[in-house]
């Protein structure tokens, strides 16, 4: 979750998770790595439950996702409080989160395919949905590697960096919000959790798979557009600086 999010629901959940972590998990003998693994195994159980494709199992899966999320919050709180943060933990946590994202989607797809007798069209849809999740994560890493921009810091930091090149237009702001959502509407459209809740409540996980696939592919396309735009402006900025240095000499 972005540290500057305007996603009120996610912010409240985050506050509750931090509160429970401070009140309960700091007094327990668990290490950050153990909590991280507990979070991951909770997600694995949730993915397995989704694969049954039944309403009761979907709700139970949601419970295990909530448990896993709490362990994930506790992992960070315990690591910071006990000064046990390290490079391995910084890599291991997002690595397991990434695997967990894909497992949840795979579990949902198996559940949907069971109900539709492994329909070829839905199989095709699931493939592109999985690919869109992987592509979004890859492009996010490319933003970080190329520009030193972490999407978790929030959309405003992206604006601040880009503003050094030119005035921010409405369309620029829209593109950057797809990279690092900062308002509730963008979180609804470009994060999985609300589609997941919608599918469980309506007992229609096919709808969730369709929405995740469509908006995942849309976000990937817009992120590539934003990447190319930022790269172009960054290159122009660097060339201008070099020419300015040459003129000074």
C-alpha atoms as a PDB file:
ATOM      1  CA  UNK A   1       0.000   0.000   0.000  1.00  0.00           C
ATOM      2  CA  UNK A   2       1.304   3.439  -0.867  1.00  0.00           C
ATOM      3  CA  UNK A   3       2.522   5.401   2.103  1.00  0.00           C
ATOM      4  CA  UNK A   4       0.641   8.425   0.776  1.00  0.00           C
ATOM      5  CA  UNK A   5      -2.546   6.690  -0.170  1.00  0.00           C
ATOM      6  CA  UNK A   6      -5.972   8.300  -0.041  1.00  0.00           C
ATOM      7  CA  UNK A   7      -7.504   4.831   0.064  1.00  0.00           C
ATOM      8  CA  UNK A   8      -9.443   5.337   3.293  1.00  0.00           C
ATOM      9  CA  UNK A   9     -10.448   1.678   3.637  1.00  0.00           C
ATOM     10  CA  UNK A  10      -6.908   0.364   3.197  1.00  0.00           C
ATOM     11  CA  UNK A  11      -5.556   3.051   5.541  1.00  0.00           C
ATOM     12  CA  UNK A  12      -7.963   1.989   8.300  1.00  0.00           C
ATOM     13  CA  UNK A  13      -7.075  -1.675   7.810  1.00  0.00           C
ATOM     14  CA  UNK A  14      -3.401  -0.721   7.960  1.00  0.00           C
ATOM     15  CA  UNK A  15      -3.925   1.191  11.226  1.00  0.00           C
ATOM     16  CA  UNK A  16      -5.755  -1.772  12.778  1.00  0.00           C
ATOM     17  CA  UNK A  17      -3.012  -4.144  11.633  1.00  0.00           C
ATOM     18  CA  UNK A  18      -0.309  -1.921  13.125  1.00  0.00           C
ATOM     19  CA  UNK A  19      -2.257  -1.625  16.402  1.00  0.00           C
ATOM     20  CA  UNK A  20      -2.677  -5.401  16.767  1.00  0.00           C
ATOM     21  CA  UNK A  21       0.967  -5.937  15.863  1.00  0.00           C
ATOM     22  CA  UNK A  22       2.142  -3.539  18.562  1.00  0.00           C
ATOM     23  CA  UNK A  23      -0.224  -4.888  21.222  1.00  0.00           C
ATOM     24  CA  UNK A  24       0.118  -8.612  20.519  1.00  0.00           C
ATOM     25  CA  UNK A  25       3.033  -9.660  18.330  1.00  0.00           C
ATOM     26  CA  UNK A  26       5.754  -7.592  19.985  1.00  0.00           C
ATOM     27  CA  UNK A  27       5.237  -9.615  23.170  1.00  0.00           C
ATOM     28  CA  UNK A  28       5.518 -12.941  21.330  1.00  0.00           C
ATOM     29  CA  UNK A  29       8.820 -14.707  20.543  1.00  0.00           C
ATOM     30  CA  UNK A  30       8.314 -14.813  16.759  1.00  0.00           C
ATOM     31  CA  UNK A  31      11.029 -13.504  14.445  1.00  0.00           C
ATOM     32  CA  UNK A  32      10.224 -11.336  11.398  1.00  0.00           C
ATOM     33  CA  UNK A  33      11.118 -14.225   9.074  1.00  0.00           C
ATOM     34  CA  UNK A  34       8.781 -16.598  10.916  1.00  0.00           C
ATOM     35  CA  UNK A  35       5.948 -14.078  10.646  1.00  0.00           C
ATOM     36  CA  UNK A  36       6.743 -13.617   6.967  1.00  0.00           C
ATOM     37  CA  UNK A  37       6.497 -17.358   6.383  1.00  0.00           C
ATOM     38  CA  UNK A  38       3.263 -17.538   8.391  1.00  0.00           C
ATOM     39  CA  UNK A  39       1.835 -14.815   6.154  1.00  0.00           C
ATOM     40  CA  UNK A  40       2.877 -16.708   3.025  1.00  0.00           C
ATOM     41  CA  UNK A  41       1.425 -20.036   4.180  1.00  0.00           C
ATOM     42  CA  UNK A  42      -1.862 -18.300   5.016  1.00  0.00           C
ATOM     43  CA  UNK A  43      -1.977 -17.036   1.432  1.00  0.00           C
ATOM     44  CA  UNK A  44      -1.176 -20.528   0.105  1.00  0.00           C
ATOM     45  CA  UNK A  45      -4.128 -21.912   2.096  1.00  0.00           C
ATOM     46  CA  UNK A  46      -6.353 -19.128   0.728  1.00  0.00           C
ATOM     47  CA  UNK A  47      -5.310 -19.944  -2.849  1.00  0.00           C
ATOM     48  CA  UNK A  48      -6.083 -23.620  -2.252  1.00  0.00           C
ATOM     49  CA  UNK A  49      -9.542 -22.761  -0.885  1.00  0.00           C
ATOM     50  CA  UNK A  50     -10.301 -20.529  -3.889  1.00  0.00           C
ATOM     51  CA  UNK A  51      -9.557 -23.486  -6.173  1.00  0.00           C
ATOM     52  CA  UNK A  52     -12.728 -25.280  -4.982  1.00  0.00           C
ATOM     53  CA  UNK A  53     -14.862 -22.581  -6.618  1.00  0.00           C
ATOM     54  CA  UNK A  54     -17.531 -22.624  -3.916  1.00  0.00           C
ATOM     55  CA  UNK A  55     -19.052 -19.709  -2.004  1.00  0.00           C
ATOM     56  CA  UNK A  56     -18.245 -21.069   1.471  1.00  0.00           C
ATOM     57  CA  UNK A  57     -14.635 -21.814   0.546  1.00  0.00           C
ATOM     58  CA  UNK A  58     -14.233 -18.354  -1.009  1.00  0.00           C
ATOM     59  CA  UNK A  59     -15.330 -16.715   2.243  1.00  0.00           C
ATOM     60  CA  UNK A  60     -12.965 -18.954   4.199  1.00  0.00           C
ATOM     61  CA  UNK A  61     -10.177 -17.975   1.797  1.00  0.00           C
ATOM     62  CA  UNK A  62     -10.912 -14.319   2.539  1.00  0.00           C
ATOM     63  CA  UNK A  63     -10.443 -15.079   6.251  1.00  0.00           C
ATOM     64  CA  UNK A  64      -7.004 -16.593   5.592  1.00  0.00           C
ATOM     65  CA  UNK A  65      -6.049 -13.593   3.450  1.00  0.00           C
ATOM     66  CA  UNK A  66      -6.931 -11.360   6.417  1.00  0.00           C
ATOM     67  CA  UNK A  67      -4.802 -13.549   8.713  1.00  0.00           C
ATOM     68  CA  UNK A  68      -1.930 -13.443   6.242  1.00  0.00           C
ATOM     69  CA  UNK A  69      -2.211  -9.671   5.957  1.00  0.00           C
ATOM     70  CA  UNK A  70      -2.008  -9.354   9.744  1.00  0.00           C
ATOM     71  CA  UNK A  71       1.130 -11.501   9.848  1.00  0.00           C
ATOM     72  CA  UNK A  72       2.564  -9.293   7.102  1.00  0.00           C
ATOM     73  CA  UNK A  73       1.951  -6.139   9.155  1.00  0.00           C
ATOM     74  CA  UNK A  74       3.414  -7.824  12.237  1.00  0.00           C
ATOM     75  CA  UNK A  75       6.548  -8.799  10.316  1.00  0.00           C
ATOM     76  CA  UNK A  76       7.410  -5.158   9.624  1.00  0.00           C
ATOM     77  CA  UNK A  77       6.463  -3.908  13.093  1.00  0.00           C
ATOM     78  CA  UNK A  78       8.556  -6.569  14.854  1.00  0.00           C
ATOM     79  CA  UNK A  79      11.542  -6.044  12.538  1.00  0.00           C
ATOM     80  CA  UNK A  80      11.574  -2.284  13.144  1.00  0.00           C
ATOM     81  CA  UNK A  81      10.925  -2.487  16.893  1.00  0.00           C
ATOM     82  CA  UNK A  82      13.673  -5.062  17.486  1.00  0.00           C
ATOM     83  CA  UNK A  83      16.036  -3.480  14.947  1.00  0.00           C
ATOM     84  CA  UNK A  84      16.113  -6.699  12.935  1.00  0.00           C
ATOM     85  CA  UNK A  85      15.724  -5.120   9.505  1.00  0.00           C
ATOM     86  CA  UNK A  86      18.225  -6.408   6.953  1.00  0.00           C
ATOM     87  CA  UNK A  87      18.740  -6.769   3.221  1.00  0.00           C
ATOM     88  CA  UNK A  88      17.545 -10.366   3.211  1.00  0.00           C
ATOM     89  CA  UNK A  89      14.259  -9.402   4.863  1.00  0.00           C
ATOM     90  CA  UNK A  90      13.869  -6.505   2.455  1.00  0.00           C
ATOM     91  CA  UNK A  91      14.153  -8.951  -0.442  1.00  0.00           C
ATOM     92  CA  UNK A  92      12.344 -11.947   1.083  1.00  0.00           C
ATOM     93  CA  UNK A  93       9.142 -10.102   2.052  1.00  0.00           C
ATOM     94  CA  UNK A  94       8.280  -8.673  -1.413  1.00  0.00           C
ATOM     95  CA  UNK A  95       9.452 -11.927  -3.038  1.00  0.00           C
ATOM     96  CA  UNK A  96       6.893 -13.963  -1.077  1.00  0.00           C
ATOM     97  CA  UNK A  97       4.257 -11.258  -1.632  1.00  0.00           C
ATOM     98  CA  UNK A  98       4.798 -11.554  -5.386  1.00  0.00           C
ATOM     99  CA  UNK A  99       4.440 -15.336  -5.327  1.00  0.00           C
ATOM    100  CA  UNK A 100       1.355 -14.997  -3.130  1.00  0.00           C
ATOM    101  CA  UNK A 101      -0.322 -12.617  -5.609  1.00  0.00           C
ATOM    102  CA  UNK A 102       0.089 -15.119  -8.412  1.00  0.00           C
ATOM    103  CA  UNK A 103      -1.025 -18.079  -6.297  1.00  0.00           C
ATOM    104  CA  UNK A 104      -4.247 -16.299  -5.298  1.00  0.00           C
ATOM    105  CA  UNK A 105      -5.058 -15.596  -8.946  1.00  0.00           C
ATOM    106  CA  UNK A 106      -4.222 -19.165  -9.976  1.00  0.00           C
ATOM    107  CA  UNK A 107      -6.469 -20.478  -7.197  1.00  0.00           C
ATOM    108  CA  UNK A 108      -9.340 -18.254  -8.346  1.00  0.00           C
ATOM    109  CA  UNK A 109      -8.867 -19.393 -11.940  1.00  0.00           C
ATOM    110  CA  UNK A 110      -8.992 -23.070 -10.992  1.00  0.00           C
ATOM    111  CA  UNK A 111     -12.169 -22.413  -9.005  1.00  0.00           C
ATOM    112  CA  UNK A 112     -13.800 -20.620 -11.937  1.00  0.00           C
ATOM    113  CA  UNK A 113     -12.684 -23.266 -14.433  1.00  0.00           C
ATOM    114  CA  UNK A 114     -14.169 -26.010 -12.253  1.00  0.00           C
ATOM    115  CA  UNK A 115     -17.543 -24.301 -12.412  1.00  0.00           C
ATOM    116  CA  UNK A 116     -17.336 -23.798 -16.186  1.00  0.00           C
ATOM    117  CA  UNK A 117     -15.923 -27.226 -17.075  1.00  0.00           C
ATOM    118  CA  UNK A 118     -12.545 -25.793 -18.078  1.00  0.00           C
ATOM    119  CA  UNK A 119     -14.005 -23.580 -20.794  1.00  0.00           C
ATOM    120  CA  UNK A 120     -11.269 -22.711 -23.375  1.00  0.00           C
ATOM    121  CA  UNK A 121     -12.224 -19.019 -23.413  1.00  0.00           C
ATOM    122  CA  UNK A 122     -11.938 -18.744 -19.620  1.00  0.00           C
ATOM    123  CA  UNK A 123      -8.617 -20.622 -19.739  1.00  0.00           C
ATOM    124  CA  UNK A 124      -7.420 -18.049 -22.278  1.00  0.00           C
ATOM    125  CA  UNK A 125      -8.710 -15.245 -20.027  1.00  0.00           C
ATOM    126  CA  UNK A 126      -6.881 -16.662 -16.998  1.00  0.00           C
ATOM    127  CA  UNK A 127      -3.640 -16.873 -18.968  1.00  0.00           C
ATOM    128  CA  UNK A 128      -3.809 -13.186 -19.891  1.00  0.00           C
ATOM    129  CA  UNK A 129      -4.808 -12.256 -16.344  1.00  0.00           C
ATOM    130  CA  UNK A 130      -1.766 -14.056 -14.939  1.00  0.00           C
ATOM    131  CA  UNK A 131       0.418 -12.449 -17.594  1.00  0.00           C
ATOM    132  CA  UNK A 132      -0.946  -8.962 -16.784  1.00  0.00           C
ATOM    133  CA  UNK A 133      -0.101  -9.361 -13.072  1.00  0.00           C
ATOM    134  CA  UNK A 134       3.442 -10.469 -13.922  1.00  0.00           C
ATOM    135  CA  UNK A 135       3.836  -7.652 -16.470  1.00  0.00           C
ATOM    136  CA  UNK A 136       2.687  -4.986 -14.003  1.00  0.00           C
ATOM    137  CA  UNK A 137       5.219  -6.179 -11.435  1.00  0.00           C
ATOM    138  CA  UNK A 138       7.980  -6.239 -14.047  1.00  0.00           C
ATOM    139  CA  UNK A 139       7.252  -2.693 -15.256  1.00  0.00           C
ATOM    140  CA  UNK A 140       7.140  -1.473 -11.646  1.00  0.00           C
ATOM    141  CA  UNK A 141      10.622  -2.904 -11.106  1.00  0.00           C
ATOM    142  CA  UNK A 142      11.823  -1.240 -14.305  1.00  0.00           C
ATOM    143  CA  UNK A 143      10.629   2.137 -13.008  1.00  0.00           C
ATOM    144  CA  UNK A 144      12.646   1.522  -9.861  1.00  0.00           C
ATOM    145  CA  UNK A 145      15.733   0.270 -11.686  1.00  0.00           C
ATOM    146  CA  UNK A 146      15.768   2.935 -14.415  1.00  0.00           C
ATOM    147  CA  UNK A 147      14.581   6.021 -12.547  1.00  0.00           C
ATOM    148  CA  UNK A 148      15.001   5.079  -8.881  1.00  0.00           C
ATOM    149  CA  UNK A 149      11.251   5.470  -8.462  1.00  0.00           C
ATOM    150  CA  UNK A 150       9.407   3.150  -6.090  1.00  0.00           C
ATOM    151  CA  UNK A 151       5.660   3.052  -6.800  1.00  0.00           C
ATOM    152  CA  UNK A 152       4.985   2.525  -3.086  1.00  0.00           C
ATOM    153  CA  UNK A 153       6.123   6.058  -2.215  1.00  0.00           C
ATOM    154  CA  UNK A 154       3.054   7.462  -3.887  1.00  0.00           C
ATOM    155  CA  UNK A 155       1.935   9.358  -6.939  1.00  0.00           C
ATOM    156  CA  UNK A 156       2.993  12.794  -5.648  1.00  0.00           C
ATOM    157  CA  UNK A 157       6.676  11.854  -5.553  1.00  0.00           C
ATOM    158  CA  UNK A 158       6.393  10.826  -9.195  1.00  0.00           C
ATOM    159  CA  UNK A 159       4.805  14.192 -10.007  1.00  0.00           C
ATOM    160  CA  UNK A 160       7.562  16.027  -8.130  1.00  0.00           C
ATOM    161  CA  UNK A 161      10.269  14.265 -10.130  1.00  0.00           C
ATOM    162  CA  UNK A 162       8.532  14.723 -13.469  1.00  0.00           C
ATOM    163  CA  UNK A 163       7.767  18.379 -12.688  1.00  0.00           C
ATOM    164  CA  UNK A 164      11.500  19.048 -12.967  1.00  0.00           C
ATOM    165  CA  UNK A 165      11.142  18.355 -16.701  1.00  0.00           C
ATOM    166  CA  UNK A 166       7.875  20.107 -17.581  1.00  0.00           C
ATOM    167  CA  UNK A 167       4.506  21.279 -16.307  1.00  0.00           C
ATOM    168  CA  UNK A 168       2.263  18.390 -15.254  1.00  0.00           C
ATOM    169  CA  UNK A 169      -0.840  18.021 -17.419  1.00  0.00           C
ATOM    170  CA  UNK A 170      -4.077  16.273 -16.445  1.00  0.00           C
ATOM    171  CA  UNK A 171      -3.151  13.356 -18.699  1.00  0.00           C
ATOM    172  CA  UNK A 172       0.311  13.108 -17.123  1.00  0.00           C
ATOM    173  CA  UNK A 173      -1.340  12.939 -13.715  1.00  0.00           C
ATOM    174  CA  UNK A 174      -3.698  10.221 -14.953  1.00  0.00           C
ATOM    175  CA  UNK A 175      -0.816   8.152 -16.318  1.00  0.00           C
ATOM    176  CA  UNK A 176       1.218   8.474 -13.145  1.00  0.00           C
ATOM    177  CA  UNK A 177      -1.789   7.492 -11.041  1.00  0.00           C
ATOM    178  CA  UNK A 178      -1.843   4.181 -12.898  1.00  0.00           C
ATOM    179  CA  UNK A 179       1.784   3.631 -11.872  1.00  0.00           C
ATOM    180  CA  UNK A 180       1.307   4.703  -8.242  1.00  0.00           C
ATOM    181  CA  UNK A 181      -2.395   5.064  -7.362  1.00  0.00           C
ATOM    182  CA  UNK A 182      -3.008   7.859  -4.858  1.00  0.00           C
ATOM    183  CA  UNK A 183      -6.796   8.307  -4.828  1.00  0.00           C
ATOM    184  CA  UNK A 184      -9.597   5.886  -4.012  1.00  0.00           C
ATOM    185  CA  UNK A 185     -10.947   5.598  -7.567  1.00  0.00           C
ATOM    186  CA  UNK A 186      -7.535   4.543  -8.908  1.00  0.00           C
ATOM    187  CA  UNK A 187      -7.132   2.021  -6.098  1.00  0.00           C
ATOM    188  CA  UNK A 188     -10.511   0.523  -6.965  1.00  0.00           C
ATOM    189  CA  UNK A 189      -9.610   0.236 -10.656  1.00  0.00           C
ATOM    190  CA  UNK A 190      -5.979  -0.806 -10.437  1.00  0.00           C
ATOM    191  CA  UNK A 191      -5.686  -3.019  -7.352  1.00  0.00           C
ATOM    192  CA  UNK A 192      -6.994  -6.546  -6.943  1.00  0.00           C
ATOM    193  CA  UNK A 193      -8.513  -6.400  -3.452  1.00  0.00           C
ATOM    194  CA  UNK A 194     -11.777  -4.637  -4.353  1.00  0.00           C
ATOM    195  CA  UNK A 195     -12.420  -6.908  -7.340  1.00  0.00           C
ATOM    196  CA  UNK A 196     -11.768  -9.867  -5.046  1.00  0.00           C
ATOM    197  CA  UNK A 197     -14.280  -8.644  -2.465  1.00  0.00           C
ATOM    198  CA  UNK A 198     -16.850  -7.940  -5.180  1.00  0.00           C
ATOM    199  CA  UNK A 199     -16.553 -11.441  -6.602  1.00  0.00           C
ATOM    200  CA  UNK A 200     -16.859 -13.104  -3.183  1.00  0.00           C
ATOM    201  CA  UNK A 201     -19.858 -11.033  -2.083  1.00  0.00           C
ATOM    202  CA  UNK A 202     -21.679 -11.582  -5.401  1.00  0.00           C
ATOM    203  CA  UNK A 203     -20.539 -15.214  -5.539  1.00  0.00           C
ATOM    204  CA  UNK A 204     -19.214 -14.550  -9.032  1.00  0.00           C
ATOM    205  CA  UNK A 205     -15.470 -15.121  -9.183  1.00  0.00           C
ATOM    206  CA  UNK A 206     -15.597 -15.124 -12.988  1.00  0.00           C
ATOM    207  CA  UNK A 207     -16.439 -11.416 -12.738  1.00  0.00           C
ATOM    208  CA  UNK A 208     -13.351 -10.942 -10.560  1.00  0.00           C
ATOM    209  CA  UNK A 209     -11.126 -12.743 -13.072  1.00  0.00           C
ATOM    210  CA  UNK A 210     -12.538 -10.671 -15.962  1.00  0.00           C
ATOM    211  CA  UNK A 211     -12.028  -7.373 -14.102  1.00  0.00           C
ATOM    212  CA  UNK A 212      -8.524  -8.257 -12.941  1.00  0.00           C
ATOM    213  CA  UNK A 213      -7.537  -9.271 -16.474  1.00  0.00           C
ATOM    214  CA  UNK A 214      -9.064  -6.245 -18.215  1.00  0.00           C
ATOM    215  CA  UNK A 215      -7.783  -3.594 -15.811  1.00  0.00           C
ATOM    216  CA  UNK A 216      -4.469  -5.407 -15.407  1.00  0.00           C
ATOM    217  CA  UNK A 217      -3.823  -5.269 -19.144  1.00  0.00           C
ATOM    218  CA  UNK A 218      -5.036  -1.657 -19.287  1.00  0.00           C
ATOM    219  CA  UNK A 219      -2.711  -0.686 -16.454  1.00  0.00           C
ATOM    220  CA  UNK A 220       0.225  -2.468 -18.094  1.00  0.00           C
ATOM    221  CA  UNK A 221      -0.376  -0.547 -21.344  1.00  0.00           C
ATOM    222  CA  UNK A 222      -0.646   2.786 -19.479  1.00  0.00           C
ATOM    223  CA  UNK A 223       2.435   2.030 -17.371  1.00  0.00           C
ATOM    224  CA  UNK A 224       4.459   1.347 -20.515  1.00  0.00           C
ATOM    225  CA  UNK A 225       3.182   4.645 -21.951  1.00  0.00           C
ATOM    226  CA  UNK A 226       4.172   6.460 -18.743  1.00  0.00           C
ATOM    227  CA  UNK A 227       7.580   4.765 -18.778  1.00  0.00           C
ATOM    228  CA  UNK A 228       8.289   5.842 -22.370  1.00  0.00           C
ATOM    229  CA  UNK A 229       7.083   9.387 -21.618  1.00  0.00           C
ATOM    230  CA  UNK A 230       9.227   9.655 -18.500  1.00  0.00           C
ATOM    231  CA  UNK A 231      12.245   8.148 -20.289  1.00  0.00           C
ATOM    232  CA  UNK A 232      11.920  10.666 -23.123  1.00  0.00           C
ATOM    233  CA  UNK A 233      11.701  13.628 -20.752  1.00  0.00           C
ATOM    234  CA  UNK A 234      14.522  12.267 -18.601  1.00  0.00           C
ATOM    235  CA  UNK A 235      16.752  11.880 -21.668  1.00  0.00           C
ATOM    236  CA  UNK A 236      15.961  15.430 -22.835  1.00  0.00           C
ATOM    237  CA  UNK A 237      16.744  16.708 -19.347  1.00  0.00           C
ATOM    238  CA  UNK A 238      20.101  14.904 -19.245  1.00  0.00           C
ATOM    239  CA  UNK A 239      21.082  16.142 -22.730  1.00  0.00           C
ATOM    240  CA  UNK A 240      20.161  19.714 -21.751  1.00  0.00           C
ATOM    241  CA  UNK A 241      22.365  19.470 -18.665  1.00  0.00           C
ATOM    242  CA  UNK A 242      25.305  18.197 -20.730  1.00  0.00           C
ATOM    243  CA  UNK A 243      24.885  20.990 -23.306  1.00  0.00           C
ATOM    244  CA  UNK A 244      24.681  23.551 -20.509  1.00  0.00           C
ATOM    245  CA  UNK A 245      27.917  22.251 -18.997  1.00  0.00           C
ATOM    246  CA  UNK A 246      29.605  22.445 -22.419  1.00  0.00           C
ATOM    247  CA  UNK A 247      28.447  26.063 -22.872  1.00  0.00           C
ATOM    248  CA  UNK A 248      29.865  27.001 -19.473  1.00  0.00           C
ATOM    249  CA  UNK A 249      33.251  25.672 -20.526  1.00  0.00           C
END
